[in-house]
Amino acid sequence: MKAGLMAALAGLLFALGLGLGGMTDPAKVVGFLDFSGAWDPSLAFVMGGALAVHAPLQWLIRRRRSPVLASEFPARSKARVDARLVGGAALFGVGWGLAGYCPGPALVSLASGTRTALLFGASMLGGMLLFRLVEGMRARRAAGLVTSSS
């Protein structure tokens, strides 16, 4: 219960920060990414502020034996940088640059009920479902290859 409440409060704080910082305004995001046109550097200050809070807190957290609301820190991922990761990051960047939304601000923007936010949210959900479908097919194919060769 306590961990769920803290997660909800952290999510609310994150949503408020995105809204107040202008990250939910696609035109502002596209303006920030448009280096060759009418560049709007204001989101750099938002990101800088986030880093200024995150860096010292991360340093303090790393010195703790365990998190406040758990018995231990989760194990670090040993995932390598591979073509899927780079491709996913590139797809994310292209989508962010074209639409002006990324997942966090898009979810916050759904509360506005604008057609653009709802369309992006539906498209994002469709993309996640398509990914699950494709990954499921890949996993079944890989399991079939593994069991048939045994």
C-alpha atoms as a PDB file:
ATOM      1  CA  MET A   1       0.000   0.000   0.000  1.00  0.00           C
ATOM      2  CA  LYS A   2       2.748   2.414   0.990  1.00  0.00           C
ATOM      3  CA  ALA A   3       4.787   1.656  -2.150  1.00  0.00           C
ATOM      4  CA  GLY A   4       1.694   2.111  -4.344  1.00  0.00           C
ATOM      5  CA  LEU A   5       0.906   5.450  -2.744  1.00  0.00           C
ATOM      6  CA  MET A   6       4.492   6.630  -3.242  1.00  0.00           C
ATOM      7  CA  ALA A   7       4.403   5.491  -6.881  1.00  0.00           C
ATOM      8  CA  ALA A   8       1.156   7.413  -7.415  1.00  0.00           C
ATOM      9  CA  LEU A   9       2.631  10.538  -5.806  1.00  0.00           C
ATOM     10  CA  ALA A  10       5.791  10.229  -7.914  1.00  0.00           C
ATOM     11  CA  GLY A  11       3.665   9.860 -11.041  1.00  0.00           C
ATOM     12  CA  LEU A  12       1.601  12.897 -10.113  1.00  0.00           C
ATOM     13  CA  LEU A  13       4.749  14.940  -9.477  1.00  0.00           C
ATOM     14  CA  PHE A  14       6.171  13.787 -12.818  1.00  0.00           C
ATOM     15  CA  ALA A  15       2.938  14.694 -14.627  1.00  0.00           C
ATOM     16  CA  LEU A  16       2.860  18.135 -13.022  1.00  0.00           C
ATOM     17  CA  GLY A  17       6.489  18.718 -13.969  1.00  0.00           C
ATOM     18  CA  LEU A  18       5.824  17.728 -17.581  1.00  0.00           C
ATOM     19  CA  GLY A  19       2.825  20.031 -17.768  1.00  0.00           C
ATOM     20  CA  LEU A  20       4.477  23.009 -16.077  1.00  0.00           C
ATOM     21  CA  GLY A  21       7.669  22.536 -18.095  1.00  0.00           C
ATOM     22  CA  GLY A  22       5.829  22.616 -21.414  1.00  0.00           C
ATOM     23  CA  MET A  23       6.687  19.035 -22.377  1.00  0.00           C
ATOM     24  CA  THR A  24       3.013  18.314 -23.129  1.00  0.00           C
ATOM     25  CA  ASP A  25       2.891  20.972 -25.839  1.00  0.00           C
ATOM     26  CA  PRO A  26       3.934  19.310 -29.110  1.00  0.00           C
ATOM     27  CA  ALA A  27       4.652  22.671 -30.769  1.00  0.00           C
ATOM     28  CA  LYS A  28       7.093  23.555 -27.980  1.00  0.00           C
ATOM     29  CA  VAL A  29       8.844  20.181 -28.278  1.00  0.00           C
ATOM     30  CA  VAL A  30       9.129  20.454 -32.064  1.00  0.00           C
ATOM     31  CA  GLY A  31      10.425  24.011 -31.623  1.00  0.00           C
ATOM     32  CA  PHE A  32      13.098  22.688 -29.274  1.00  0.00           C
ATOM     33  CA  LEU A  33      14.126  20.022 -31.801  1.00  0.00           C
ATOM     34  CA  ASP A  34      14.195  22.475 -34.746  1.00  0.00           C
ATOM     35  CA  PHE A  35      17.830  23.596 -34.605  1.00  0.00           C
ATOM     36  CA  SER A  36      17.838  24.969 -38.154  1.00  0.00           C
ATOM     37  CA  GLY A  37      14.632  26.997 -37.851  1.00  0.00           C
ATOM     38  CA  ALA A  38      12.980  28.890 -35.032  1.00  0.00           C
ATOM     39  CA  TRP A  39      14.780  27.035 -32.251  1.00  0.00           C
ATOM     40  CA  ASP A  40      13.192  27.318 -28.785  1.00  0.00           C
ATOM     41  CA  PRO A  41      15.845  26.500 -26.155  1.00  0.00           C
ATOM     42  CA  SER A  42      13.469  26.721 -23.160  1.00  0.00           C
ATOM     43  CA  LEU A  43      13.120  22.938 -22.773  1.00  0.00           C
ATOM     44  CA  ALA A  44      16.878  22.719 -22.242  1.00  0.00           C
ATOM     45  CA  PHE A  45      16.281  24.517 -18.948  1.00  0.00           C
ATOM     46  CA  VAL A  46      13.603  21.981 -18.034  1.00  0.00           C
ATOM     47  CA  MET A  47      16.010  19.124 -18.734  1.00  0.00           C
ATOM     48  CA  GLY A  48      18.820  20.924 -16.921  1.00  0.00           C
ATOM     49  CA  GLY A  49      16.590  21.396 -13.881  1.00  0.00           C
ATOM     50  CA  ALA A  50      15.713  17.708 -13.916  1.00  0.00           C
ATOM     51  CA  LEU A  51      19.390  16.767 -14.050  1.00  0.00           C
ATOM     52  CA  ALA A  52      20.217  19.207 -11.256  1.00  0.00           C
ATOM     53  CA  VAL A  53      17.725  17.407  -9.008  1.00  0.00           C
ATOM     54  CA  HIS A  54      18.512  13.880 -10.222  1.00  0.00           C
ATOM     55  CA  ALA A  55      22.323  13.922 -10.034  1.00  0.00           C
ATOM     56  CA  PRO A  56      22.772  14.656  -6.318  1.00  0.00           C
ATOM     57  CA  LEU A  57      19.853  12.430  -5.321  1.00  0.00           C
ATOM     58  CA  GLN A  58      21.208   9.556  -7.422  1.00  0.00           C
ATOM     59  CA  TRP A  59      24.569   9.994  -5.685  1.00  0.00           C
ATOM     60  CA  LEU A  60      22.881   9.828  -2.266  1.00  0.00           C
ATOM     61  CA  ILE A  61      20.684   6.860  -3.194  1.00  0.00           C
ATOM     62  CA  ARG A  62      23.679   4.830  -4.420  1.00  0.00           C
ATOM     63  CA  ARG A  63      25.222   5.134  -0.947  1.00  0.00           C
ATOM     64  CA  ARG A  64      22.238   3.473   0.751  1.00  0.00           C
ATOM     65  CA  ARG A  65      22.253  -0.245   1.546  1.00  0.00           C
ATOM     66  CA  SER A  66      18.633  -0.605   0.426  1.00  0.00           C
ATOM     67  CA  PRO A  67      15.803   1.521  -0.949  1.00  0.00           C
ATOM     68  CA  VAL A  68      13.339   3.153   1.431  1.00  0.00           C
ATOM     69  CA  LEU A  69      10.341   1.061   0.312  1.00  0.00           C
ATOM     70  CA  ALA A  70      12.005  -2.239  -0.622  1.00  0.00           C
ATOM     71  CA  SER A  71      14.406  -4.741   0.897  1.00  0.00           C
ATOM     72  CA  GLU A  72      16.957  -4.451  -1.903  1.00  0.00           C
ATOM     73  CA  PHE A  73      17.765  -2.583  -5.099  1.00  0.00           C
ATOM     74  CA  PRO A  74      16.789  -4.373  -8.311  1.00  0.00           C
ATOM     75  CA  ALA A  75      19.591  -6.128 -10.153  1.00  0.00           C
ATOM     76  CA  ARG A  76      21.178  -4.103 -12.909  1.00  0.00           C
ATOM     77  CA  SER A  77      20.326  -5.177 -16.424  1.00  0.00           C
ATOM     78  CA  LYS A  78      23.100  -6.836 -18.342  1.00  0.00           C
ATOM     79  CA  ALA A  79      21.452  -5.949 -21.659  1.00  0.00           C
ATOM     80  CA  ARG A  80      23.867  -5.042 -24.418  1.00  0.00           C
ATOM     81  CA  VAL A  81      23.509  -2.303 -26.953  1.00  0.00           C
ATOM     82  CA  ASP A  82      22.315  -4.154 -30.027  1.00  0.00           C
ATOM     83  CA  ALA A  83      20.525  -3.414 -33.282  1.00  0.00           C
ATOM     84  CA  ARG A  84      17.074  -3.733 -31.673  1.00  0.00           C
ATOM     85  CA  LEU A  85      17.942  -1.197 -28.981  1.00  0.00           C
ATOM     86  CA  VAL A  86      19.444   1.271 -31.461  1.00  0.00           C
ATOM     87  CA  GLY A  87      16.519   0.772 -33.852  1.00  0.00           C
ATOM     88  CA  GLY A  88      13.986   1.303 -31.068  1.00  0.00           C
ATOM     89  CA  ALA A  89      15.778   4.439 -29.897  1.00  0.00           C
ATOM     90  CA  ALA A  90      15.857   5.779 -33.455  1.00  0.00           C
ATOM     91  CA  LEU A  91      12.159   5.033 -33.933  1.00  0.00           C
ATOM     92  CA  PHE A  92      11.397   6.752 -30.628  1.00  0.00           C
ATOM     93  CA  GLY A  93      13.391   9.826 -31.664  1.00  0.00           C
ATOM     94  CA  VAL A  94      11.784  10.058 -35.085  1.00  0.00           C
ATOM     95  CA  GLY A  95       8.316   9.705 -33.574  1.00  0.00           C
ATOM     96  CA  TRP A  96       9.079  12.320 -30.932  1.00  0.00           C
ATOM     97  CA  GLY A  97      10.404  14.735 -33.537  1.00  0.00           C
ATOM     98  CA  LEU A  98       7.488  14.241 -35.934  1.00  0.00           C
ATOM     99  CA  ALA A  99       4.634  14.215 -33.420  1.00  0.00           C
ATOM    100  CA  GLY A 100       6.089  16.315 -30.602  1.00  0.00           C
ATOM    101  CA  TYR A 101       5.006  13.672 -28.088  1.00  0.00           C
ATOM    102  CA  CYS A 102       6.827  10.912 -26.275  1.00  0.00           C
ATOM    103  CA  PRO A 103       5.041   8.403 -24.006  1.00  0.00           C
ATOM    104  CA  GLY A 104       5.149  10.289 -20.678  1.00  0.00           C
ATOM    105  CA  PRO A 105       3.912  13.643 -21.941  1.00  0.00           C
ATOM    106  CA  ALA A 106       1.434  11.856 -24.228  1.00  0.00           C
ATOM    107  CA  LEU A 107      -0.189  10.143 -21.244  1.00  0.00           C
ATOM    108  CA  VAL A 108      -0.390  13.435 -19.363  1.00  0.00           C
ATOM    109  CA  SER A 109      -1.832  15.118 -22.475  1.00  0.00           C
ATOM    110  CA  LEU A 110      -4.636  12.548 -22.683  1.00  0.00           C
ATOM    111  CA  ALA A 111      -6.270  14.400 -19.793  1.00  0.00           C
ATOM    112  CA  SER A 112      -6.709  17.408 -22.091  1.00  0.00           C
ATOM    113  CA  GLY A 113      -8.955  15.364 -24.362  1.00  0.00           C
ATOM    114  CA  THR A 114      -7.614  17.055 -27.498  1.00  0.00           C
ATOM    115  CA  ARG A 115      -7.952  15.157 -30.723  1.00  0.00           C
ATOM    116  CA  THR A 116      -4.185  15.172 -31.279  1.00  0.00           C
ATOM    117  CA  ALA A 117      -3.448  13.731 -27.826  1.00  0.00           C
ATOM    118  CA  LEU A 118      -6.155  11.075 -28.182  1.00  0.00           C
ATOM    119  CA  LEU A 119      -4.947  10.102 -31.655  1.00  0.00           C
ATOM    120  CA  PHE A 120      -1.349   9.847 -30.468  1.00  0.00           C
ATOM    121  CA  GLY A 121      -2.429   7.834 -27.408  1.00  0.00           C
ATOM    122  CA  ALA A 122      -4.418   5.425 -29.570  1.00  0.00           C
ATOM    123  CA  SER A 123      -1.507   5.103 -32.002  1.00  0.00           C
ATOM    124  CA  MET A 124       0.912   4.477 -29.151  1.00  0.00           C
ATOM    125  CA  LEU A 125      -1.376   1.790 -27.721  1.00  0.00           C
ATOM    126  CA  GLY A 126      -1.700   0.226 -31.182  1.00  0.00           C
ATOM    127  CA  GLY A 127       2.084   0.200 -31.542  1.00  0.00           C
ATOM    128  CA  MET A 128       2.484  -1.508 -28.159  1.00  0.00           C
ATOM    129  CA  LEU A 129      -0.094  -4.140 -29.069  1.00  0.00           C
ATOM    130  CA  LEU A 130       1.572  -4.727 -32.442  1.00  0.00           C
ATOM    131  CA  PHE A 131       4.932  -5.111 -30.702  1.00  0.00           C
ATOM    132  CA  ARG A 132       3.478  -7.692 -28.304  1.00  0.00           C
ATOM    133  CA  LEU A 133       1.978  -9.598 -31.229  1.00  0.00           C
ATOM    134  CA  VAL A 134       5.247  -9.608 -33.187  1.00  0.00           C
ATOM    135  CA  GLU A 135       7.305 -10.546 -30.108  1.00  0.00           C
ATOM    136  CA  GLY A 136       4.891 -13.382 -29.309  1.00  0.00           C
ATOM    137  CA  MET A 137       5.223 -14.708 -32.849  1.00  0.00           C
ATOM    138  CA  ARG A 138       9.030 -14.462 -32.645  1.00  0.00           C
ATOM    139  CA  ALA A 139       9.067 -16.275 -29.308  1.00  0.00           C
ATOM    140  CA  ARG A 140       6.808 -19.065 -30.592  1.00  0.00           C
ATOM    141  CA  ARG A 141       8.939 -19.413 -33.732  1.00  0.00           C
ATOM    142  CA  ALA A 142      12.134 -19.542 -31.651  1.00  0.00           C
ATOM    143  CA  ALA A 143      10.590 -22.096 -29.265  1.00  0.00           C
ATOM    144  CA  GLY A 144       9.481 -24.192 -32.235  1.00  0.00           C
ATOM    145  CA  LEU A 145      12.984 -24.135 -33.710  1.00  0.00           C
ATOM    146  CA  VAL A 146      14.550 -25.036 -30.386  1.00  0.00           C
ATOM    147  CA  THR A 147      12.185 -27.922 -29.609  1.00  0.00           C
ATOM    148  CA  SER A 148      12.201 -29.359 -33.153  1.00  0.00           C
ATOM    149  CA  SER A 149      16.008 -29.505 -33.275  1.00  0.00           C
ATOM    150  CA  SER A 150      16.222 -31.378 -29.925  1.00  0.00           C
END
